[in-house]
C-alpha atoms as a PDB file:
ATOM      1  CA  MET A   1      -7.310   5.313  -6.742  1.00  0.00           C
ATOM      2  CA  LEU A   2     -10.376   3.555  -8.120  1.00  0.00           C
ATOM      3  CA  LEU A   3      -9.753   0.508  -5.825  1.00  0.00           C
ATOM      4  CA  LEU A   4      -9.387   2.782  -2.716  1.00  0.00           C
ATOM      5  CA  ALA A   5     -12.735   4.516  -3.614  1.00  0.00           C
ATOM      6  CA  LEU A   6     -14.434   1.109  -4.065  1.00  0.00           C
ATOM      7  CA  GLN A   7     -12.894  -0.014  -0.710  1.00  0.00           C
ATOM      8  CA  VAL A   8     -14.313   3.091   0.927  1.00  0.00           C
ATOM      9  CA  ARG A   9     -17.717   2.418  -0.535  1.00  0.00           C
ATOM     10  CA  LEU A  10     -17.698  -1.105   0.677  1.00  0.00           C
ATOM     11  CA  LEU A  11     -16.563  -0.153   4.148  1.00  0.00           C
ATOM     12  CA  ARG A  12     -19.368   2.457   4.322  1.00  0.00           C
ATOM     13  CA  PHE A  13     -21.825  -0.229   3.220  1.00  0.00           C
ATOM     14  CA  GLN A  14     -20.625  -2.610   5.914  1.00  0.00           C
ATOM     15  CA  VAL A  15     -20.837   0.249   8.543  1.00  0.00           C
ATOM     16  CA  ARG A  16     -24.373   0.844   7.553  1.00  0.00           C
ATOM     17  CA  VAL A  17     -25.277  -2.923   7.632  1.00  0.00           C
ATOM     18  CA  VAL A  18     -23.579  -3.331  11.159  1.00  0.00           C
ATOM     19  CA  THR A  19     -25.244  -0.173  12.407  1.00  0.00           C
ATOM     20  CA  ARG A  20     -28.831  -1.449  11.426  1.00  0.00           C
ATOM     21  CA  LEU A  21     -28.001  -4.930  12.857  1.00  0.00           C
ATOM     22  CA  ARG A  22     -26.944  -3.370  16.020  1.00  0.00           C
ATOM     23  CA  SER A  23     -30.134  -1.213  16.234  1.00  0.00           C
ATOM     24  CA  SER A  24     -32.263  -4.339  15.625  1.00  0.00           C
ATOM     25  CA  LEU A  25     -30.369  -6.329  18.294  1.00  0.00           C
ATOM     26  CA  GLU A  26     -30.761  -3.314  20.658  1.00  0.00           C
ATOM     27  CA  GLN A  27     -34.492  -3.349  20.148  1.00  0.00           C
ATOM     28  CA  SER A  28     -34.651  -6.995  20.590  1.00  0.00           C
ATOM     29  CA  ARG A  29     -32.585  -6.858  23.799  1.00  0.00           C
ATOM     30  CA  ARG A  30     -34.977  -4.037  25.060  1.00  0.00           C
ATOM     31  CA  ARG A  31     -37.961  -6.346  24.295  1.00  0.00           C
ATOM     32  CA  LEU A  32     -36.385  -9.135  26.143  1.00  0.00           C
ATOM     33  CA  HIS A  33     -35.712  -7.140  29.297  1.00  0.00           C
ATOM     34  CA  ASP A  34     -39.280  -5.730  29.403  1.00  0.00           C
ATOM     35  CA  ARG A  35     -41.617  -7.891  31.365  1.00  0.00           C
ATOM     36  CA  PRO A  36     -43.637  -9.692  28.618  1.00  0.00           C
ATOM     37  CA  ALA A  37     -47.051 -10.792  29.407  1.00  0.00           C
ATOM     38  CA  ALA A  38     -47.695 -14.271  30.615  1.00  0.00           C
ATOM     39  CA  GLY A  39     -47.009 -16.892  28.064  1.00  0.00           C
ATOM     40  CA  GLN A  40     -44.905 -14.623  25.668  1.00  0.00           C
ATOM     41  CA  GLY A  41     -41.391 -14.934  27.285  1.00  0.00           C
ATOM     42  CA  GLY A  42     -40.583 -17.689  24.842  1.00  0.00           C
ATOM     43  CA  GLN A  43     -41.647 -15.673  21.933  1.00  0.00           C
ATOM     44  CA  ALA A  44     -39.251 -12.722  22.758  1.00  0.00           C
ATOM     45  CA  THR A  45     -36.471 -15.200  23.202  1.00  0.00           C
ATOM     46  CA  ALA A  46     -37.138 -16.855  19.910  1.00  0.00           C
ATOM     47  CA  GLU A  47     -37.285 -13.421  18.151  1.00  0.00           C
ATOM     48  CA  TYR A  48     -33.959 -12.546  19.676  1.00  0.00           C
ATOM     49  CA  ALA A  49     -32.431 -15.745  18.479  1.00  0.00           C
ATOM     50  CA  LEU A  50     -33.826 -15.153  14.927  1.00  0.00           C
ATOM     51  CA  VAL A  51     -32.258 -11.766  14.908  1.00  0.00           C
ATOM     52  CA  LEU A  52     -28.931 -13.120  15.963  1.00  0.00           C
ATOM     53  CA  LEU A  53     -29.046 -15.885  13.258  1.00  0.00           C
ATOM     54  CA  GLY A  54     -29.978 -13.256  10.733  1.00  0.00           C
ATOM     55  CA  ALA A  55     -27.055 -11.057  11.790  1.00  0.00           C
ATOM     56  CA  ALA A  56     -24.640 -14.087  11.647  1.00  0.00           C
ATOM     57  CA  ALA A  57     -25.941 -15.117   8.184  1.00  0.00           C
ATOM     58  CA  ILE A  58     -25.384 -11.602   6.664  1.00  0.00           C
ATOM     59  CA  ALA A  59     -21.874 -11.418   8.230  1.00  0.00           C
ATOM     60  CA  LEU A  60     -20.945 -14.866   6.744  1.00  0.00           C
ATOM     61  CA  LEU A  61     -22.291 -13.808   3.362  1.00  0.00           C
ATOM     62  CA  LEU A  62     -20.301 -10.675   3.388  1.00  0.00           C
ATOM     63  CA  ALA A  63     -17.231 -12.558   4.534  1.00  0.00           C
ATOM     64  CA  ALA A  64     -17.756 -15.193   1.897  1.00  0.00           C
ATOM     65  CA  TRP A  65     -18.269 -12.579  -0.889  1.00  0.00           C
ATOM     66  CA  ALA A  66     -15.190 -10.645   0.179  1.00  0.00           C
ATOM     67  CA  VAL A  67     -12.946 -13.746   0.161  1.00  0.00           C
ATOM     68  CA  LYS A  68     -14.326 -15.145  -3.054  1.00  0.00           C
ATOM     69  CA  SER A  69     -14.111 -11.763  -4.915  1.00  0.00           C
ATOM     70  CA  GLY A  70     -10.546 -11.350  -3.621  1.00  0.00           C
ATOM     71  CA  LYS A  71     -11.392  -7.842  -2.166  1.00  0.00           C
ATOM     72  CA  ILE A  72      -9.849  -8.773   1.218  1.00  0.00           C
ATOM     73  CA  SER A  73      -6.468  -9.512  -0.370  1.00  0.00           C
ATOM     74  CA  GLN A  74      -6.689  -6.354  -2.571  1.00  0.00           C
ATOM     75  CA  LEU A  75      -7.534  -4.334   0.529  1.00  0.00           C
ATOM     76  CA  PHE A  76      -4.527  -5.781   2.475  1.00  0.00           C
ATOM     77  CA  ASP A  77      -2.217  -5.271  -0.534  1.00  0.00           C
ATOM     78  CA  ALA A  78      -3.378  -1.717  -1.063  1.00  0.00           C
ATOM     79  CA  VAL A  79      -2.877  -0.854   2.727  1.00  0.00           C
ATOM     80  CA  ALA A  80       0.632  -2.567   2.666  1.00  0.00           C
ATOM     81  CA  ASP A  81       1.609  -0.751  -0.410  1.00  0.00           C
ATOM     82  CA  GLN A  82       0.549   2.624   0.939  1.00  0.00           C
ATOM     83  CA  LEU A  83       2.563   1.906   4.149  1.00  0.00           C
ATOM     84  CA  ILE A  84       5.587   0.942   2.276  1.00  0.00           C
ATOM     85  CA  ASP A  85       5.239   4.102  -0.006  1.00  0.00           C
ATOM     86  CA  LYS A  86       5.127   6.285   3.115  1.00  0.00           C
ATOM     87  CA  ALA A  87       7.858   4.435   4.906  1.00  0.00           C
ATOM     88  CA  GLY A  88      10.308   4.275   1.991  1.00  0.00           C
END
């Protein structure tokens, strides 16, 4: 039960991170579509690229941590066990 509670907390944290990243990406996208002043078009593109790189880096760090800590296999094992218990 403790493992399930930890998994729920991890999933909630991931949802918060993804929501914030999505919000940041949406703001950057809006800035890109607004007509920038002359000479600032490249700056908006660079900001958008940096936001995408930041989001990718965070996603890779989370994935690496999850794989290294064994949380992914624990999650799949817990889900499979629960499915087998309900089916059997």
